Amino acid sequence: MEQKKAPVFHKRIFWDVVFENIDYDAKANFVIERVFERGDVDDIRNCRRYYGDERVAEALLNAKFLSKVTLYLASAVIDKPIESFRCYTLRQSMGNLLPY
């Protein structure tokens, strides 16, 4: 069986981990969330190409946290309403942060 070629991402997306040691298959959720949060259009395209839209959608829908901007982007990319995202539901149940 031929192994898939690793996707090409900008190192700035993974600034806090050893870039060369990223296991793209074992840490798929982490990679997908991080690419959507900090990547550009090319990074997102490479992510979708590598993982496939079904896997990307699964990871994004089940993410515990996505910024508002990323949430709306993910909603548009995978064509699902924001209410179907886990992070949206969690954010609604937490209420607002205290104004300190």
PDB file of N, CA and C in Angstrom:
ATOM      1  N   MET A   1       0.832  -1.182   0.000  1.00  0.00           N
ATOM      2  CA  MET A   1       0.000   0.000   0.000  1.00  0.00           C
ATOM      3  C   MET A   1       0.877   1.247   0.000  1.00  0.00           C
ATOM      4  N   GLU A   2       0.591   2.157  -0.881  1.00  0.00           N
ATOM      5  CA  GLU A   2       1.375   3.377  -0.990  1.00  0.00           C
ATOM      6  C   GLU A   2       0.939   4.376   0.077  1.00  0.00           C
ATOM      7  N   GLN A   3       1.941   4.978   0.734  1.00  0.00           N
ATOM      8  CA  GLN A   3       1.642   5.940   1.778  1.00  0.00           C
ATOM      9  C   GLN A   3       1.352   7.307   1.164  1.00  0.00           C
ATOM     10  N   LYS A   4       0.344   8.005   1.717  1.00  0.00           N
ATOM     11  CA  LYS A   4      -0.002   9.329   1.206  1.00  0.00           C
ATOM     12  C   LYS A   4       1.134  10.304   1.475  1.00  0.00           C
ATOM     13  N   LYS A   5       1.338  11.191   0.511  1.00  0.00           N
ATOM     14  CA  LYS A   5       2.350  12.228   0.662  1.00  0.00           C
ATOM     15  C   LYS A   5       1.822  13.267   1.648  1.00  0.00           C
ATOM     16  N   ALA A   6       2.668  13.656   2.598  1.00  0.00           N
ATOM     17  CA  ALA A   6       2.259  14.625   3.622  1.00  0.00           C
ATOM     18  C   ALA A   6       1.887  15.958   2.978  1.00  0.00           C
ATOM     19  N   PRO A   7       0.863  16.615   3.505  1.00  0.00           N
ATOM     20  CA  PRO A   7       0.470  17.914   2.954  1.00  0.00           C
ATOM     21  C   PRO A   7       1.526  18.969   3.250  1.00  0.00           C
ATOM     22  N   VAL A   8       1.526  20.026   2.469  1.00  0.00           N
ATOM     23  CA  VAL A   8       2.491  21.109   2.650  1.00  0.00           C
ATOM     24  C   VAL A   8       1.778  22.278   3.322  1.00  0.00           C
ATOM     25  N   PHE A   9       2.203  22.602   4.541  1.00  0.00           N
ATOM     26  CA  PHE A   9       1.640  23.725   5.289  1.00  0.00           C
ATOM     27  C   PHE A   9       2.754  24.690   5.657  1.00  0.00           C
ATOM     28  N   HIS A  10       2.394  25.936   5.899  1.00  0.00           N
ATOM     29  CA  HIS A  10       3.366  26.913   6.384  1.00  0.00           C
ATOM     30  C   HIS A  10       3.737  26.567   7.820  1.00  0.00           C
ATOM     31  N   LYS A  11       5.016  26.682   8.135  1.00  0.00           N
ATOM     32  CA  LYS A  11       5.479  26.360   9.491  1.00  0.00           C
ATOM     33  C   LYS A  11       4.880  27.289  10.536  1.00  0.00           C
ATOM     34  N   ARG A  12       4.485  28.500  10.136  1.00  0.00           N
ATOM     35  CA  ARG A  12       3.941  29.462  11.108  1.00  0.00           C
ATOM     36  C   ARG A  12       2.640  28.966  11.748  1.00  0.00           C
ATOM     37  N   ILE A  13       1.937  28.066  11.076  1.00  0.00           N
ATOM     38  CA  ILE A  13       0.695  27.532  11.633  1.00  0.00           C
ATOM     39  C   ILE A  13       0.986  26.700  12.876  1.00  0.00           C
ATOM     40  N   PHE A  14       2.092  26.003  12.849  1.00  0.00           N
ATOM     41  CA  PHE A  14       2.461  25.092  13.941  1.00  0.00           C
ATOM     42  C   PHE A  14       3.685  25.619  14.678  1.00  0.00           C
ATOM     43  N   TRP A  15       3.658  26.888  15.006  1.00  0.00           N
ATOM     44  CA  TRP A  15       4.791  27.553  15.634  1.00  0.00           C
ATOM     45  C   TRP A  15       5.150  26.982  17.002  1.00  0.00           C
ATOM     46  N   ASP A  16       4.211  26.354  17.691  1.00  0.00           N
ATOM     47  CA  ASP A  16       4.429  25.906  19.063  1.00  0.00           C
ATOM     48  C   ASP A  16       4.763  24.417  19.195  1.00  0.00           C
ATOM     49  N   VAL A  17       4.897  23.722  18.071  1.00  0.00           N
ATOM     50  CA  VAL A  17       5.269  22.302  18.101  1.00  0.00           C
ATOM     51  C   VAL A  17       6.442  22.083  17.151  1.00  0.00           C
ATOM     52  N   VAL A  18       7.106  20.945  17.301  1.00  0.00           N
ATOM     53  CA  VAL A  18       8.205  20.615  16.390  1.00  0.00           C
ATOM     54  C   VAL A  18       7.579  20.194  15.066  1.00  0.00           C
ATOM     55  N   PHE A  19       7.675  21.067  14.090  1.00  0.00           N
ATOM     56  CA  PHE A  19       6.998  20.909  12.810  1.00  0.00           C
ATOM     57  C   PHE A  19       7.318  19.564  12.149  1.00  0.00           C
ATOM     58  N   GLU A  20       8.569  19.164  12.183  1.00  0.00           N
ATOM     59  CA  GLU A  20       8.991  17.940  11.503  1.00  0.00           C
ATOM     60  C   GLU A  20       8.436  16.679  12.153  1.00  0.00           C
ATOM     61  N   ASN A  21       7.999  16.776  13.415  1.00  0.00           N
ATOM     62  CA  ASN A  21       7.508  15.598  14.141  1.00  0.00           C
ATOM     63  C   ASN A  21       5.990  15.436  14.116  1.00  0.00           C
ATOM     64  N   ILE A  22       5.292  16.287  13.392  1.00  0.00           N
ATOM     65  CA  ILE A  22       3.831  16.196  13.366  1.00  0.00           C
ATOM     66  C   ILE A  22       3.395  14.919  12.652  1.00  0.00           C
ATOM     67  N   ASP A  23       2.570  14.139  13.322  1.00  0.00           N
ATOM     68  CA  ASP A  23       1.999  12.924  12.728  1.00  0.00           C
ATOM     69  C   ASP A  23       0.624  13.321  12.175  1.00  0.00           C
ATOM     70  N   TYR A  24       0.559  13.535  10.866  1.00  0.00           N
ATOM     71  CA  TYR A  24      -0.648  14.059  10.236  1.00  0.00           C
ATOM     72  C   TYR A  24      -1.853  13.133  10.358  1.00  0.00           C
ATOM     73  N   ASP A  25      -1.625  11.852  10.520  1.00  0.00           N
ATOM     74  CA  ASP A  25      -2.744  10.915  10.633  1.00  0.00           C
ATOM     75  C   ASP A  25      -3.193  10.740  12.076  1.00  0.00           C
ATOM     76  N   ALA A  26      -2.251  10.567  12.995  1.00  0.00           N
ATOM     77  CA  ALA A  26      -2.605  10.366  14.398  1.00  0.00           C
ATOM     78  C   ALA A  26      -3.180  11.635  15.026  1.00  0.00           C
ATOM     79  N   LYS A  27      -2.745  12.782  14.581  1.00  0.00           N
ATOM     80  CA  LYS A  27      -3.182  14.071  15.142  1.00  0.00           C
ATOM     81  C   LYS A  27      -4.034  14.852  14.142  1.00  0.00           C
ATOM     82  N   ALA A  28      -4.855  14.157  13.392  1.00  0.00           N
ATOM     83  CA  ALA A  28      -5.638  14.773  12.322  1.00  0.00           C
ATOM     84  C   ALA A  28      -6.536  15.898  12.828  1.00  0.00           C
ATOM     85  N   ASN A  29      -7.228  15.686  13.932  1.00  0.00           N
ATOM     86  CA  ASN A  29      -8.122  16.729  14.446  1.00  0.00           C
ATOM     87  C   ASN A  29      -7.347  17.995  14.786  1.00  0.00           C
ATOM     88  N   PHE A  30      -6.224  17.842  15.464  1.00  0.00           N
ATOM     89  CA  PHE A  30      -5.379  18.980  15.820  1.00  0.00           C
ATOM     90  C   PHE A  30      -4.932  19.728  14.568  1.00  0.00           C
ATOM     91  N   VAL A  31      -4.462  18.989  13.581  1.00  0.00           N
ATOM     92  CA  VAL A  31      -3.958  19.603  12.348  1.00  0.00           C
ATOM     93  C   VAL A  31      -5.077  20.343  11.615  1.00  0.00           C
ATOM     94  N   ILE A  32      -6.221  19.712  11.469  1.00  0.00           N
ATOM     95  CA  ILE A  32      -7.339  20.330  10.749  1.00  0.00           C
ATOM     96  C   ILE A  32      -7.800  21.606  11.455  1.00  0.00           C
ATOM     97  N   GLU A  33      -7.991  21.532  12.767  1.00  0.00           N
ATOM     98  CA  GLU A  33      -8.427  22.712  13.516  1.00  0.00           C
ATOM     99  C   GLU A  33      -7.411  23.836  13.403  1.00  0.00           C
ATOM    100  N   ARG A  34      -6.138  23.500  13.533  1.00  0.00           N
ATOM    101  CA  ARG A  34      -5.084  24.517  13.491  1.00  0.00           C
ATOM    102  C   ARG A  34      -4.982  25.151  12.112  1.00  0.00           C
ATOM    103  N   VAL A  35      -5.097  24.348  11.066  1.00  0.00           N
ATOM    104  CA  VAL A  35      -5.025  24.888   9.700  1.00  0.00           C
ATOM    105  C   VAL A  35      -6.184  25.846   9.442  1.00  0.00           C
ATOM    106  N   PHE A  36      -7.379  25.486   9.865  1.00  0.00           N
ATOM    107  CA  PHE A  36      -8.522  26.381   9.656  1.00  0.00           C
ATOM    108  C   PHE A  36      -8.402  27.637  10.512  1.00  0.00           C
ATOM    109  N   GLU A  37      -7.822  27.510  11.694  1.00  0.00           N
ATOM    110  CA  GLU A  37      -7.693  28.653  12.604  1.00  0.00           C
ATOM    111  C   GLU A  37      -6.602  29.627  12.142  1.00  0.00           C
ATOM    112  N   ARG A  38      -5.478  29.114  11.664  1.00  0.00           N
ATOM    113  CA  ARG A  38      -4.326  29.975  11.388  1.00  0.00           C
ATOM    114  C   ARG A  38      -3.804  29.938   9.957  1.00  0.00           C
ATOM    115  N   GLY A  39      -4.329  29.060   9.144  1.00  0.00           N
ATOM    116  CA  GLY A  39      -3.817  28.910   7.789  1.00  0.00           C
ATOM    117  C   GLY A  39      -4.442  29.873   6.807  1.00  0.00           C
ATOM    118  N   ASP A  40      -3.868  29.902   5.605  1.00  0.00           N
ATOM    119  CA  ASP A  40      -4.446  30.722   4.544  1.00  0.00           C
ATOM    120  C   ASP A  40      -5.211  29.812   3.582  1.00  0.00           C
ATOM    121  N   VAL A  41      -5.678  30.362   2.493  1.00  0.00           N
ATOM    122  CA  VAL A  41      -6.506  29.613   1.545  1.00  0.00           C
ATOM    123  C   VAL A  41      -5.776  28.378   1.015  1.00  0.00           C
ATOM    124  N   ASP A  42      -4.503  28.524   0.660  1.00  0.00           N
ATOM    125  CA  ASP A  42      -3.737  27.377   0.157  1.00  0.00           C
ATOM    126  C   ASP A  42      -3.601  26.280   1.202  1.00  0.00           C
ATOM    127  N   ASP A  43      -3.384  26.672   2.455  1.00  0.00           N
ATOM    128  CA  ASP A  43      -3.277  25.679   3.528  1.00  0.00           C
ATOM    129  C   ASP A  43      -4.587  24.905   3.688  1.00  0.00           C
ATOM    130  N   ILE A  44      -5.695  25.622   3.632  1.00  0.00           N
ATOM    131  CA  ILE A  44      -7.003  24.969   3.771  1.00  0.00           C
ATOM    132  C   ILE A  44      -7.264  24.029   2.593  1.00  0.00           C
ATOM    133  N   ARG A  45      -6.895  24.462   1.405  1.00  0.00           N
ATOM    134  CA  ARG A  45      -7.048  23.580   0.233  1.00  0.00           C
ATOM    135  C   ARG A  45      -6.212  22.318   0.380  1.00  0.00           C
ATOM    136  N   ASN A  46      -4.957  22.466   0.819  1.00  0.00           N
ATOM    137  CA  ASN A  46      -4.091  21.301   1.023  1.00  0.00           C
ATOM    138  C   ASN A  46      -4.650  20.373   2.094  1.00  0.00           C
ATOM    139  N   CYS A  47      -5.209  20.948   3.121  1.00  0.00           N
ATOM    140  CA  CYS A  47      -5.820  20.164   4.199  1.00  0.00           C
ATOM    141  C   CYS A  47      -6.997  19.352   3.673  1.00  0.00           C
ATOM    142  N   ARG A  48      -7.865  20.000   2.912  1.00  0.00           N
ATOM    143  CA  ARG A  48      -9.028  19.307   2.346  1.00  0.00           C
ATOM    144  C   ARG A  48      -8.602  18.231   1.355  1.00  0.00           C
ATOM    145  N   ARG A  49      -7.566  18.498   0.583  1.00  0.00           N
ATOM    146  CA  ARG A  49      -7.057  17.521  -0.380  1.00  0.00           C
ATOM    147  C   ARG A  49      -6.516  16.285   0.337  1.00  0.00           C
ATOM    148  N   TYR A  50      -5.774  16.511   1.411  1.00  0.00           N
ATOM    149  CA  TYR A  50      -5.128  15.407   2.138  1.00  0.00           C
ATOM    150  C   TYR A  50      -6.145  14.566   2.912  1.00  0.00           C
ATOM    151  N   TYR A  51      -7.018  15.232   3.672  1.00  0.00           N
ATOM    152  CA  TYR A  51      -7.940  14.502   4.542  1.00  0.00           C
ATOM    153  C   TYR A  51      -9.283  14.169   3.895  1.00  0.00           C
ATOM    154  N   GLY A  52      -9.676  14.909   2.909  1.00  0.00           N
ATOM    155  CA  GLY A  52     -10.989  14.721   2.301  1.00  0.00           C
ATOM    156  C   GLY A  52     -12.035  15.524   3.067  1.00  0.00           C
ATOM    157  N   ASP A  53     -13.068  15.955   2.359  1.00  0.00           N
ATOM    158  CA  ASP A  53     -14.069  16.827   2.963  1.00  0.00           C
ATOM    159  C   ASP A  53     -14.829  16.172   4.115  1.00  0.00           C
ATOM    160  N   GLU A  54     -15.052  14.881   4.025  1.00  0.00           N
ATOM    161  CA  GLU A  54     -15.790  14.189   5.084  1.00  0.00           C
ATOM    162  C   GLU A  54     -15.024  14.205   6.405  1.00  0.00           C
ATOM    163  N   ARG A  55     -13.728  13.917   6.331  1.00  0.00           N
ATOM    164  CA  ARG A  55     -12.879  13.913   7.544  1.00  0.00           C
ATOM    165  C   ARG A  55     -12.724  15.323   8.107  1.00  0.00           C
ATOM    166  N   VAL A  56     -12.559  16.307   7.232  1.00  0.00           N
ATOM    167  CA  VAL A  56     -12.439  17.705   7.659  1.00  0.00           C
ATOM    168  C   VAL A  56     -13.720  18.144   8.360  1.00  0.00           C
ATOM    169  N   ALA A  57     -14.865  17.828   7.772  1.00  0.00           N
ATOM    170  CA  ALA A  57     -16.148  18.197   8.362  1.00  0.00           C
ATOM    171  C   ALA A  57     -16.319  17.562   9.739  1.00  0.00           C
ATOM    172  N   GLU A  58     -15.964  16.298   9.867  1.00  0.00           N
ATOM    173  CA  GLU A  58     -16.084  15.598  11.151  1.00  0.00           C
ATOM    174  C   GLU A  58     -15.243  16.285  12.222  1.00  0.00           C
ATOM    175  N   ALA A  59     -14.005  16.624  11.888  1.00  0.00           N
ATOM    176  CA  ALA A  59     -13.114  17.266  12.857  1.00  0.00           C
ATOM    177  C   ALA A  59     -13.634  18.644  13.266  1.00  0.00           C
ATOM    178  N   LEU A  60     -14.096  19.428  12.305  1.00  0.00           N
ATOM    179  CA  LEU A  60     -14.566  20.779  12.602  1.00  0.00           C
ATOM    180  C   LEU A  60     -15.883  20.769  13.379  1.00  0.00           C
ATOM    181  N   LEU A  61     -16.780  19.876  13.020  1.00  0.00           N
ATOM    182  CA  LEU A  61     -18.067  19.791  13.723  1.00  0.00           C
ATOM    183  C   LEU A  61     -17.894  19.379  15.178  1.00  0.00           C
ATOM    184  N   ASN A  62     -16.855  18.595  15.477  1.00  0.00           N
ATOM    185  CA  ASN A  62     -16.633  18.096  16.834  1.00  0.00           C
ATOM    186  C   ASN A  62     -15.592  18.875  17.625  1.00  0.00           C
ATOM    187  N   ALA A  63     -15.040  19.938  17.056  1.00  0.00           N
ATOM    188  CA  ALA A  63     -14.028  20.739  17.747  1.00  0.00           C
ATOM    189  C   ALA A  63     -14.632  21.388  18.991  1.00  0.00           C
ATOM    190  N   LYS A  64     -13.863  21.394  20.081  1.00  0.00           N
ATOM    191  CA  LYS A  64     -14.338  22.016  21.314  1.00  0.00           C
ATOM    192  C   LYS A  64     -14.292  23.533  21.231  1.00  0.00           C
ATOM    193  N   PHE A  65     -13.348  24.078  20.467  1.00  0.00           N
ATOM    194  CA  PHE A  65     -13.260  25.529  20.328  1.00  0.00           C
ATOM    195  C   PHE A  65     -12.816  25.917  18.926  1.00  0.00           C
ATOM    196  N   LEU A  66     -13.517  26.848  18.347  1.00  0.00           N
ATOM    197  CA  LEU A  66     -13.107  27.544  17.129  1.00  0.00           C
ATOM    198  C   LEU A  66     -13.467  29.006  17.348  1.00  0.00           C
ATOM    199  N   SER A  67     -12.602  29.915  16.910  1.00  0.00           N
ATOM    200  CA  SER A  67     -12.934  31.331  17.026  1.00  0.00           C
ATOM    201  C   SER A  67     -14.179  31.605  16.190  1.00  0.00           C
ATOM    202  N   LYS A  68     -14.832  32.741  16.439  1.00  0.00           N
ATOM    203  CA  LYS A  68     -16.050  33.066  15.684  1.00  0.00           C
ATOM    204  C   LYS A  68     -15.776  33.128  14.192  1.00  0.00           C
ATOM    205  N   VAL A  69     -14.666  33.748  13.815  1.00  0.00           N
ATOM    206  CA  VAL A  69     -14.314  33.873  12.399  1.00  0.00           C
ATOM    207  C   VAL A  69     -14.116  32.491  11.778  1.00  0.00           C
ATOM    208  N   THR A  70     -13.391  31.636  12.483  1.00  0.00           N
ATOM    209  CA  THR A  70     -13.137  30.286  11.984  1.00  0.00           C
ATOM    210  C   THR A  70     -14.424  29.475  11.923  1.00  0.00           C
ATOM    211  N   LEU A  71     -15.291  29.668  12.890  1.00  0.00           N
ATOM    212  CA  LEU A  71     -16.573  28.973  12.905  1.00  0.00           C
ATOM    213  C   LEU A  71     -17.395  29.314  11.659  1.00  0.00           C
ATOM    214  N   TYR A  72     -17.473  30.588  11.321  1.00  0.00           N
ATOM    215  CA  TYR A  72     -18.224  30.994  10.131  1.00  0.00           C
ATOM    216  C   TYR A  72     -17.547  30.519   8.849  1.00  0.00           C
ATOM    217  N   LEU A  73     -16.215  30.546   8.814  1.00  0.00           N
ATOM    218  CA  LEU A  73     -15.482  30.028   7.655  1.00  0.00           C
ATOM    219  C   LEU A  73     -15.756  28.536   7.490  1.00  0.00           C
ATOM    220  N   ALA A  74     -15.610  27.787   8.582  1.00  0.00           N
ATOM    221  CA  ALA A  74     -15.841  26.339   8.531  1.00  0.00           C
ATOM    222  C   ALA A  74     -17.270  26.029   8.102  1.00  0.00           C
ATOM    223  N   SER A  75     -18.215  26.799   8.613  1.00  0.00           N
ATOM    224  CA  SER A  75     -19.621  26.618   8.241  1.00  0.00           C
ATOM    225  C   SER A  75     -19.811  26.782   6.728  1.00  0.00           C
ATOM    226  N   ALA A  76     -19.170  27.776   6.165  1.00  0.00           N
ATOM    227  CA  ALA A  76     -19.278  28.020   4.724  1.00  0.00           C
ATOM    228  C   ALA A  76     -18.563  26.942   3.911  1.00  0.00           C
ATOM    229  N   VAL A  77     -17.394  26.520   4.375  1.00  0.00           N
ATOM    230  CA  VAL A  77     -16.603  25.534   3.628  1.00  0.00           C
ATOM    231  C   VAL A  77     -17.285  24.175   3.599  1.00  0.00           C
ATOM    232  N   ILE A  78     -17.804  23.730   4.743  1.00  0.00           N
ATOM    233  CA  ILE A  78     -18.411  22.388   4.781  1.00  0.00           C
ATOM    234  C   ILE A  78     -19.926  22.430   4.598  1.00  0.00           C
ATOM    235  N   ASP A  79     -20.474  23.621   4.423  1.00  0.00           N
ATOM    236  CA  ASP A  79     -21.902  23.813   4.127  1.00  0.00           C
ATOM    237  C   ASP A  79     -22.806  23.213   5.207  1.00  0.00           C
ATOM    238  N   LYS A  80     -22.515  23.581   6.456  1.00  0.00           N
ATOM    239  CA  LYS A  80     -23.342  23.177   7.596  1.00  0.00           C
ATOM    240  C   LYS A  80     -23.673  24.431   8.402  1.00  0.00           C
ATOM    241  N   PRO A  81     -24.863  24.502   8.991  1.00  0.00           N
ATOM    242  CA  PRO A  81     -25.201  25.668   9.812  1.00  0.00           C
ATOM    243  C   PRO A  81     -24.351  25.721  11.081  1.00  0.00           C
ATOM    244  N   ILE A  82     -24.077  26.932  11.567  1.00  0.00           N
ATOM    245  CA  ILE A  82     -23.208  27.053  12.748  1.00  0.00           C
ATOM    246  C   ILE A  82     -23.805  26.353  13.963  1.00  0.00           C
ATOM    247  N   GLU A  83     -25.105  26.208  13.998  1.00  0.00           N
ATOM    248  CA  GLU A  83     -25.747  25.541  15.139  1.00  0.00           C
ATOM    249  C   GLU A  83     -25.379  24.057  15.238  1.00  0.00           C
ATOM    250  N   SER A  84     -24.869  23.467  14.160  1.00  0.00           N
ATOM    251  CA  SER A  84     -24.509  22.051  14.188  1.00  0.00           C
ATOM    252  C   SER A  84     -23.091  21.811  14.693  1.00  0.00           C
ATOM    253  N   PHE A  85     -22.351  22.881  14.991  1.00  0.00           N
ATOM    254  CA  PHE A  85     -20.983  22.743  15.491  1.00  0.00           C
ATOM    255  C   PHE A  85     -20.989  22.605  17.010  1.00  0.00           C
ATOM    256  N   ARG A  86     -20.201  21.679  17.498  1.00  0.00           N
ATOM    257  CA  ARG A  86     -20.087  21.447  18.942  1.00  0.00           C
ATOM    258  C   ARG A  86     -19.616  22.710  19.660  1.00  0.00           C
ATOM    259  N   CYS A  87     -18.636  23.404  19.105  1.00  0.00           N
ATOM    260  CA  CYS A  87     -18.094  24.592  19.763  1.00  0.00           C
ATOM    261  C   CYS A  87     -19.148  25.694  19.869  1.00  0.00           C
ATOM    262  N   TYR A  88     -20.052  25.778  18.931  1.00  0.00           N
ATOM    263  CA  TYR A  88     -21.137  26.769  18.994  1.00  0.00           C
ATOM    264  C   TYR A  88     -22.066  26.431  20.156  1.00  0.00           C
ATOM    265  N   THR A  89     -22.428  25.174  20.286  1.00  0.00           N
ATOM    266  CA  THR A  89     -23.309  24.732  21.361  1.00  0.00           C
ATOM    267  C   THR A  89     -22.654  24.963  22.717  1.00  0.00           C
ATOM    268  N   LEU A  90     -21.356  24.642  22.830  1.00  0.00           N
ATOM    269  CA  LEU A  90     -20.642  24.858  24.092  1.00  0.00           C
ATOM    270  C   LEU A  90     -20.585  26.342  24.436  1.00  0.00           C
ATOM    271  N   ARG A  91     -20.343  27.172  23.446  1.00  0.00           N
ATOM    272  CA  ARG A  91     -20.250  28.619  23.674  1.00  0.00           C
ATOM    273  C   ARG A  91     -21.596  29.157  24.172  1.00  0.00           C
ATOM    274  N   GLN A  92     -22.702  28.650  23.628  1.00  0.00           N
ATOM    275  CA  GLN A  92     -24.024  29.109  24.044  1.00  0.00           C
ATOM    276  C   GLN A  92     -24.318  28.706  25.487  1.00  0.00           C
ATOM    277  N   SER A  93     -23.866  27.532  25.895  1.00  0.00           N
ATOM    278  CA  SER A  93     -24.171  27.047  27.232  1.00  0.00           C
ATOM    279  C   SER A  93     -23.297  27.703  28.312  1.00  0.00           C
ATOM    280  N   MET A  94     -22.147  28.284  27.905  1.00  0.00           N
ATOM    281  CA  MET A  94     -21.255  28.910  28.880  1.00  0.00           C
ATOM    282  C   MET A  94     -21.679  30.332  29.222  1.00  0.00           C
ATOM    283  N   GLY A  95     -22.427  30.977  28.380  1.00  0.00           N
ATOM    284  CA  GLY A  95     -22.794  32.367  28.632  1.00  0.00           C
ATOM    285  C   GLY A  95     -21.615  33.284  28.335  1.00  0.00           C
ATOM    286  N   ASN A  96     -21.734  34.532  28.733  1.00  0.00           N
ATOM    287  CA  ASN A  96     -20.672  35.500  28.489  1.00  0.00           C
ATOM    288  C   ASN A  96     -19.605  35.452  29.567  1.00  0.00           C
ATOM    289  N   LEU A  97     -18.413  35.867  29.209  1.00  0.00           N
ATOM    290  CA  LEU A  97     -17.335  35.958  30.186  1.00  0.00           C
ATOM    291  C   LEU A  97     -17.574  37.143  31.109  1.00  0.00           C
ATOM    292  N   LEU A  98     -17.042  37.051  32.294  1.00  0.00           N
ATOM    293  CA  LEU A  98     -17.188  38.146  33.240  1.00  0.00           C
ATOM    294  C   LEU A  98     -16.377  39.351  32.782  1.00  0.00           C
ATOM    295  N   PRO A  99     -16.887  40.563  32.988  1.00  0.00           N
ATOM    296  CA  PRO A  99     -16.216  41.762  32.456  1.00  0.00           C
ATOM    297  C   PRO A  99     -15.078  42.265  33.344  1.00  0.00           C
ATOM    298  N   TYR A 100     -14.065  41.470  33.578  1.00  0.00           N
ATOM    299  CA  TYR A 100     -12.921  41.910  34.398  1.00  0.00           C
ATOM    300  C   TYR A 100     -11.760  42.307  33.539  1.00  0.00           C
TER     301      TYR A 100
END
